[in-house]
Amino acid sequence: MKNAQNKNYYLSLDIGTDSVGYAATDENYNLLKFHGEPVWGATVFDAASLNTDRRTFRTARRRLDRRQQRIDLLQELFAKEIGKIDPRFFIRMEESTLYP
């Protein structure tokens, strides 16, 4: 029986999101055998649950926040000129959702 502790070998791993592949080779890159079988293979796991719902809500919230920031910037830029023509324009615009 050979002493495996004195033998040099390489262990290669391919770690993915749903699997781990492995192989063991000697210094000349020949596959090693354990109990007569080559030491290589893969272990596949169940797919991880994705947080697509949370991501969708977060993306929508950020999109709406950016839209509101753009509207606020436009109102700030044009408030003086619009106020000369119609001082209540922005007030009516804000309250327009309250009326059918």
N, C-alpha and C. Protein backbone atom coordinates (compact mmCIF):
# COMPACT_ATOMS: atom_id res chain seq x y z
N MET A 1 0.85 -1.18 0.00
CA MET A 1 0.00 0.00 0.00
C MET A 1 0.89 1.25 0.00
N LYS A 2 0.62 2.17 -0.89
CA LYS A 2 1.42 3.39 -0.99
C LYS A 2 0.99 4.39 0.07
N ASN A 3 1.92 5.16 0.51
CA ASN A 3 1.63 6.20 1.50
C ASN A 3 1.18 7.46 0.74
N ALA A 4 -0.08 7.79 0.82
CA ALA A 4 -0.65 8.93 0.08
C ALA A 4 -0.18 10.27 0.64
N GLN A 5 0.33 10.30 1.85
CA GLN A 5 0.76 11.56 2.43
C GLN A 5 2.02 12.10 1.77
N ASN A 6 2.84 11.25 1.21
CA ASN A 6 4.09 11.68 0.58
C ASN A 6 3.94 11.95 -0.90
N LYS A 7 2.77 11.80 -1.45
CA LYS A 7 2.53 11.95 -2.88
C LYS A 7 2.01 13.35 -3.17
N ASN A 8 2.63 14.03 -4.14
CA ASN A 8 2.16 15.36 -4.52
C ASN A 8 1.03 15.23 -5.53
N TYR A 9 0.05 16.09 -5.42
CA TYR A 9 -1.07 16.08 -6.36
C TYR A 9 -1.65 17.48 -6.45
N TYR A 10 -2.45 17.70 -7.49
CA TYR A 10 -3.16 18.96 -7.70
C TYR A 10 -4.64 18.70 -7.56
N LEU A 11 -5.32 19.60 -6.91
CA LEU A 11 -6.77 19.55 -6.80
C LEU A 11 -7.32 20.77 -7.54
N SER A 12 -8.13 20.54 -8.55
CA SER A 12 -8.72 21.63 -9.34
C SER A 12 -10.19 21.74 -9.00
N LEU A 13 -10.64 22.97 -8.81
CA LEU A 13 -12.05 23.22 -8.50
C LEU A 13 -12.62 24.22 -9.49
N ASP A 14 -13.84 23.97 -9.90
CA ASP A 14 -14.59 24.92 -10.73
C ASP A 14 -15.86 25.22 -9.96
N ILE A 15 -15.88 26.36 -9.31
CA ILE A 15 -16.99 26.70 -8.42
C ILE A 15 -17.93 27.64 -9.15
N GLY A 16 -19.14 27.19 -9.38
CA GLY A 16 -20.16 28.00 -10.03
C GLY A 16 -21.26 28.36 -9.05
N THR A 17 -22.31 28.97 -9.56
CA THR A 17 -23.42 29.37 -8.69
C THR A 17 -24.28 28.18 -8.28
N ASP A 18 -24.38 27.18 -9.13
CA ASP A 18 -25.24 26.02 -8.83
C ASP A 18 -24.47 24.71 -8.81
N SER A 19 -23.14 24.74 -8.95
CA SER A 19 -22.40 23.49 -9.00
C SER A 19 -20.94 23.71 -8.60
N VAL A 20 -20.29 22.57 -8.28
CA VAL A 20 -18.86 22.56 -8.01
C VAL A 20 -18.27 21.38 -8.79
N GLY A 21 -17.33 21.68 -9.67
CA GLY A 21 -16.63 20.62 -10.40
C GLY A 21 -15.27 20.43 -9.77
N TYR A 22 -14.74 19.20 -9.84
CA TYR A 22 -13.46 18.92 -9.21
C TYR A 22 -12.70 17.86 -10.01
N ALA A 23 -11.38 17.87 -9.85
CA ALA A 23 -10.50 16.87 -10.45
C ALA A 23 -9.21 16.83 -9.65
N ALA A 24 -8.63 15.64 -9.52
CA ALA A 24 -7.35 15.48 -8.83
C ALA A 24 -6.37 14.86 -9.82
N THR A 25 -5.18 15.48 -9.95
CA THR A 25 -4.17 14.98 -10.89
C THR A 25 -2.83 14.88 -10.18
N ASP A 26 -1.93 14.09 -10.79
CA ASP A 26 -0.58 14.04 -10.26
C ASP A 26 0.23 15.19 -10.83
N GLU A 27 1.53 15.19 -10.58
CA GLU A 27 2.38 16.30 -11.04
C GLU A 27 2.47 16.38 -12.56
N ASN A 28 2.16 15.28 -13.27
CA ASN A 28 2.18 15.27 -14.74
C ASN A 28 0.79 15.47 -15.31
N TYR A 29 -0.15 15.88 -14.49
CA TYR A 29 -1.54 16.17 -14.87
C TYR A 29 -2.30 14.93 -15.37
N ASN A 30 -1.93 13.77 -14.85
CA ASN A 30 -2.70 12.55 -15.11
C ASN A 30 -3.73 12.40 -14.00
N LEU A 31 -4.96 12.03 -14.36
CA LEU A 31 -6.01 11.87 -13.36
C LEU A 31 -5.62 10.79 -12.36
N LEU A 32 -5.82 11.08 -11.10
CA LEU A 32 -5.59 10.09 -10.05
C LEU A 32 -6.82 9.22 -9.91
N LYS A 33 -6.62 8.04 -9.32
CA LYS A 33 -7.74 7.12 -9.09
C LYS A 33 -7.85 6.87 -7.60
N PHE A 34 -9.08 6.72 -7.17
CA PHE A 34 -9.38 6.39 -5.79
C PHE A 34 -10.33 5.21 -5.81
N HIS A 35 -9.94 4.10 -5.22
CA HIS A 35 -10.71 2.86 -5.27
C HIS A 35 -11.00 2.45 -6.72
N GLY A 36 -10.03 2.69 -7.60
CA GLY A 36 -10.15 2.28 -8.99
C GLY A 36 -10.96 3.22 -9.87
N GLU A 37 -11.49 4.27 -9.32
CA GLU A 37 -12.28 5.23 -10.09
C GLU A 37 -11.51 6.54 -10.24
N PRO A 38 -11.58 7.18 -11.43
CA PRO A 38 -10.92 8.48 -11.59
C PRO A 38 -11.53 9.53 -10.64
N VAL A 39 -10.68 10.39 -10.11
CA VAL A 39 -11.13 11.41 -9.16
C VAL A 39 -11.46 12.67 -9.93
N TRP A 40 -12.65 12.71 -10.45
CA TRP A 40 -13.17 13.90 -11.11
C TRP A 40 -14.69 13.80 -11.14
N GLY A 41 -15.35 14.95 -11.18
CA GLY A 41 -16.80 14.95 -11.19
C GLY A 41 -17.35 16.33 -10.87
N ALA A 42 -18.62 16.35 -10.62
CA ALA A 42 -19.30 17.61 -10.31
C ALA A 42 -20.44 17.33 -9.35
N THR A 43 -20.69 18.28 -8.50
CA THR A 43 -21.83 18.23 -7.60
C THR A 43 -22.74 19.40 -7.96
N VAL A 44 -23.99 19.09 -8.27
CA VAL A 44 -24.94 20.11 -8.69
C VAL A 44 -25.91 20.37 -7.54
N PHE A 45 -26.14 21.64 -7.25
CA PHE A 45 -27.04 22.05 -6.18
C PHE A 45 -28.34 22.59 -6.77
N ASP A 46 -29.35 22.68 -5.93
CA ASP A 46 -30.59 23.34 -6.35
C ASP A 46 -30.29 24.80 -6.63
N ALA A 47 -30.98 25.34 -7.62
CA ALA A 47 -30.75 26.74 -7.98
C ALA A 47 -31.11 27.64 -6.81
N ALA A 48 -30.31 28.65 -6.61
CA ALA A 48 -30.57 29.61 -5.54
C ALA A 48 -31.82 30.41 -5.87
N SER A 49 -32.55 30.78 -4.85
CA SER A 49 -33.74 31.60 -5.09
C SER A 49 -33.29 33.02 -5.39
N LEU A 50 -33.84 33.57 -6.43
CA LEU A 50 -33.48 34.92 -6.84
C LEU A 50 -34.43 35.92 -6.19
N ASN A 51 -33.93 37.06 -5.89
CA ASN A 51 -34.74 38.10 -5.26
C ASN A 51 -35.28 39.04 -6.33
N THR A 52 -35.87 38.46 -7.37
CA THR A 52 -36.34 39.29 -8.49
C THR A 52 -37.47 40.22 -8.07
N ASP A 53 -38.34 39.76 -7.17
CA ASP A 53 -39.44 40.63 -6.73
C ASP A 53 -38.90 41.86 -6.01
N ARG A 54 -37.98 41.62 -5.07
CA ARG A 54 -37.41 42.75 -4.32
C ARG A 54 -36.66 43.68 -5.27
N ARG A 55 -35.91 43.10 -6.21
CA ARG A 55 -35.14 43.92 -7.15
C ARG A 55 -36.08 44.74 -8.03
N THR A 56 -37.18 44.16 -8.45
CA THR A 56 -38.14 44.87 -9.29
C THR A 56 -38.72 46.07 -8.54
N PHE A 57 -39.13 45.86 -7.29
CA PHE A 57 -39.68 46.96 -6.50
C PHE A 57 -38.63 48.04 -6.25
N ARG A 58 -37.40 47.62 -5.94
CA ARG A 58 -36.32 48.58 -5.68
C ARG A 58 -36.03 49.40 -6.94
N THR A 59 -35.99 48.74 -8.09
CA THR A 59 -35.72 49.43 -9.36
C THR A 59 -36.84 50.43 -9.66
N ALA A 60 -38.09 50.02 -9.45
CA ALA A 60 -39.22 50.91 -9.71
C ALA A 60 -39.17 52.11 -8.77
N ARG A 61 -38.86 51.87 -7.50
CA ARG A 61 -38.79 52.98 -6.54
C ARG A 61 -37.69 53.97 -6.93
N ARG A 62 -36.54 53.46 -7.33
CA ARG A 62 -35.44 54.34 -7.73
C ARG A 62 -35.79 55.12 -8.99
N ARG A 63 -36.47 54.45 -9.93
CA ARG A 63 -36.87 55.13 -11.17
C ARG A 63 -37.84 56.26 -10.86
N LEU A 64 -38.81 56.01 -9.98
CA LEU A 64 -39.77 57.05 -9.60
C LEU A 64 -39.09 58.18 -8.84
N ASP A 65 -38.13 57.84 -7.98
CA ASP A 65 -37.40 58.88 -7.25
C ASP A 65 -36.62 59.77 -8.21
N ARG A 66 -35.96 59.16 -9.19
CA ARG A 66 -35.20 59.97 -10.17
C ARG A 66 -36.14 60.84 -11.00
N ARG A 67 -37.30 60.30 -11.35
CA ARG A 67 -38.28 61.09 -12.11
C ARG A 67 -38.74 62.30 -11.30
N GLN A 68 -39.02 62.07 -10.02
CA GLN A 68 -39.45 63.17 -9.15
C GLN A 68 -38.34 64.22 -9.00
N GLN A 69 -37.10 63.78 -8.92
CA GLN A 69 -35.99 64.73 -8.83
C GLN A 69 -35.90 65.57 -10.09
N ARG A 70 -36.12 64.97 -11.26
CA ARG A 70 -36.08 65.73 -12.51
C ARG A 70 -37.21 66.75 -12.56
N ILE A 71 -38.40 66.35 -12.13
CA ILE A 71 -39.55 67.27 -12.11
C ILE A 71 -39.27 68.43 -11.16
N ASP A 72 -38.73 68.12 -9.97
CA ASP A 72 -38.42 69.18 -9.01
C ASP A 72 -37.38 70.14 -9.57
N LEU A 73 -36.38 69.63 -10.27
CA LEU A 73 -35.36 70.48 -10.87
C LEU A 73 -35.97 71.39 -11.94
N LEU A 74 -36.83 70.82 -12.79
CA LEU A 74 -37.48 71.64 -13.83
C LEU A 74 -38.36 72.72 -13.21
N GLN A 75 -39.09 72.37 -12.17
CA GLN A 75 -39.93 73.38 -11.51
C GLN A 75 -39.07 74.49 -10.92
N GLU A 76 -37.96 74.10 -10.33
CA GLU A 76 -37.07 75.11 -9.74
C GLU A 76 -36.49 76.03 -10.82
N LEU A 77 -36.12 75.45 -11.95
CA LEU A 77 -35.53 76.24 -13.03
C LEU A 77 -36.53 77.19 -13.68
N PHE A 78 -37.78 76.74 -13.84
CA PHE A 78 -38.77 77.53 -14.57
C PHE A 78 -39.77 78.26 -13.67
N ALA A 79 -39.66 78.13 -12.36
CA ALA A 79 -40.63 78.72 -11.43
C ALA A 79 -40.76 80.23 -11.60
N LYS A 80 -39.66 80.91 -11.74
CA LYS A 80 -39.70 82.37 -11.84
C LYS A 80 -40.47 82.82 -13.08
N GLU A 81 -40.18 82.24 -14.24
CA GLU A 81 -40.84 82.65 -15.48
C GLU A 81 -42.30 82.22 -15.51
N ILE A 82 -42.60 81.00 -15.03
CA ILE A 82 -43.99 80.54 -15.02
C ILE A 82 -44.79 81.36 -14.01
N GLY A 83 -44.16 81.71 -12.88
CA GLY A 83 -44.83 82.52 -11.86
C GLY A 83 -45.25 83.88 -12.38
N LYS A 84 -44.54 84.44 -13.36
CA LYS A 84 -44.92 85.73 -13.95
C LYS A 84 -46.23 85.61 -14.71
N ILE A 85 -46.46 84.47 -15.34
CA ILE A 85 -47.66 84.26 -16.16
C ILE A 85 -48.80 83.71 -15.32
N ASP A 86 -48.52 82.71 -14.49
CA ASP A 86 -49.56 82.06 -13.70
C ASP A 86 -48.97 81.68 -12.34
N PRO A 87 -49.16 82.51 -11.31
CA PRO A 87 -48.55 82.24 -10.00
C PRO A 87 -49.04 80.95 -9.34
N ARG A 88 -50.22 80.48 -9.69
CA ARG A 88 -50.78 79.28 -9.05
C ARG A 88 -50.59 78.02 -9.90
N PHE A 89 -49.78 78.08 -10.93
CA PHE A 89 -49.61 76.95 -11.85
C PHE A 89 -49.16 75.68 -11.13
N PHE A 90 -48.08 75.78 -10.36
CA PHE A 90 -47.54 74.58 -9.69
C PHE A 90 -48.47 74.07 -8.60
N ILE A 91 -49.20 74.96 -7.95
CA ILE A 91 -50.18 74.54 -6.94
C ILE A 91 -51.29 73.74 -7.60
N ARG A 92 -51.80 74.26 -8.74
CA ARG A 92 -52.86 73.53 -9.46
C ARG A 92 -52.33 72.18 -9.98
N MET A 93 -51.09 72.18 -10.43
CA MET A 93 -50.52 70.93 -10.94
C MET A 93 -50.44 69.88 -9.83
N GLU A 94 -50.03 70.29 -8.64
CA GLU A 94 -49.95 69.35 -7.50
C GLU A 94 -51.33 68.85 -7.10
N GLU A 95 -52.33 69.73 -7.15
CA GLU A 95 -53.68 69.37 -6.71
C GLU A 95 -54.51 68.74 -7.81
N SER A 96 -53.98 68.66 -9.02
CA SER A 96 -54.76 68.13 -10.14
C SER A 96 -55.17 66.67 -9.94
N THR A 97 -54.40 65.91 -9.16
CA THR A 97 -54.76 64.52 -8.92
C THR A 97 -55.93 64.37 -7.94
N LEU A 98 -56.29 65.47 -7.25
CA LEU A 98 -57.36 65.42 -6.26
C LEU A 98 -58.74 65.59 -6.88
N TYR A 99 -58.79 66.03 -8.13
CA TYR A 99 -60.07 66.30 -8.79
C TYR A 99 -60.28 65.33 -9.94
N PRO A 100 -61.54 64.91 -10.12
CA PRO A 100 -61.79 63.97 -11.23
C PRO A 100 -61.63 64.64 -12.59
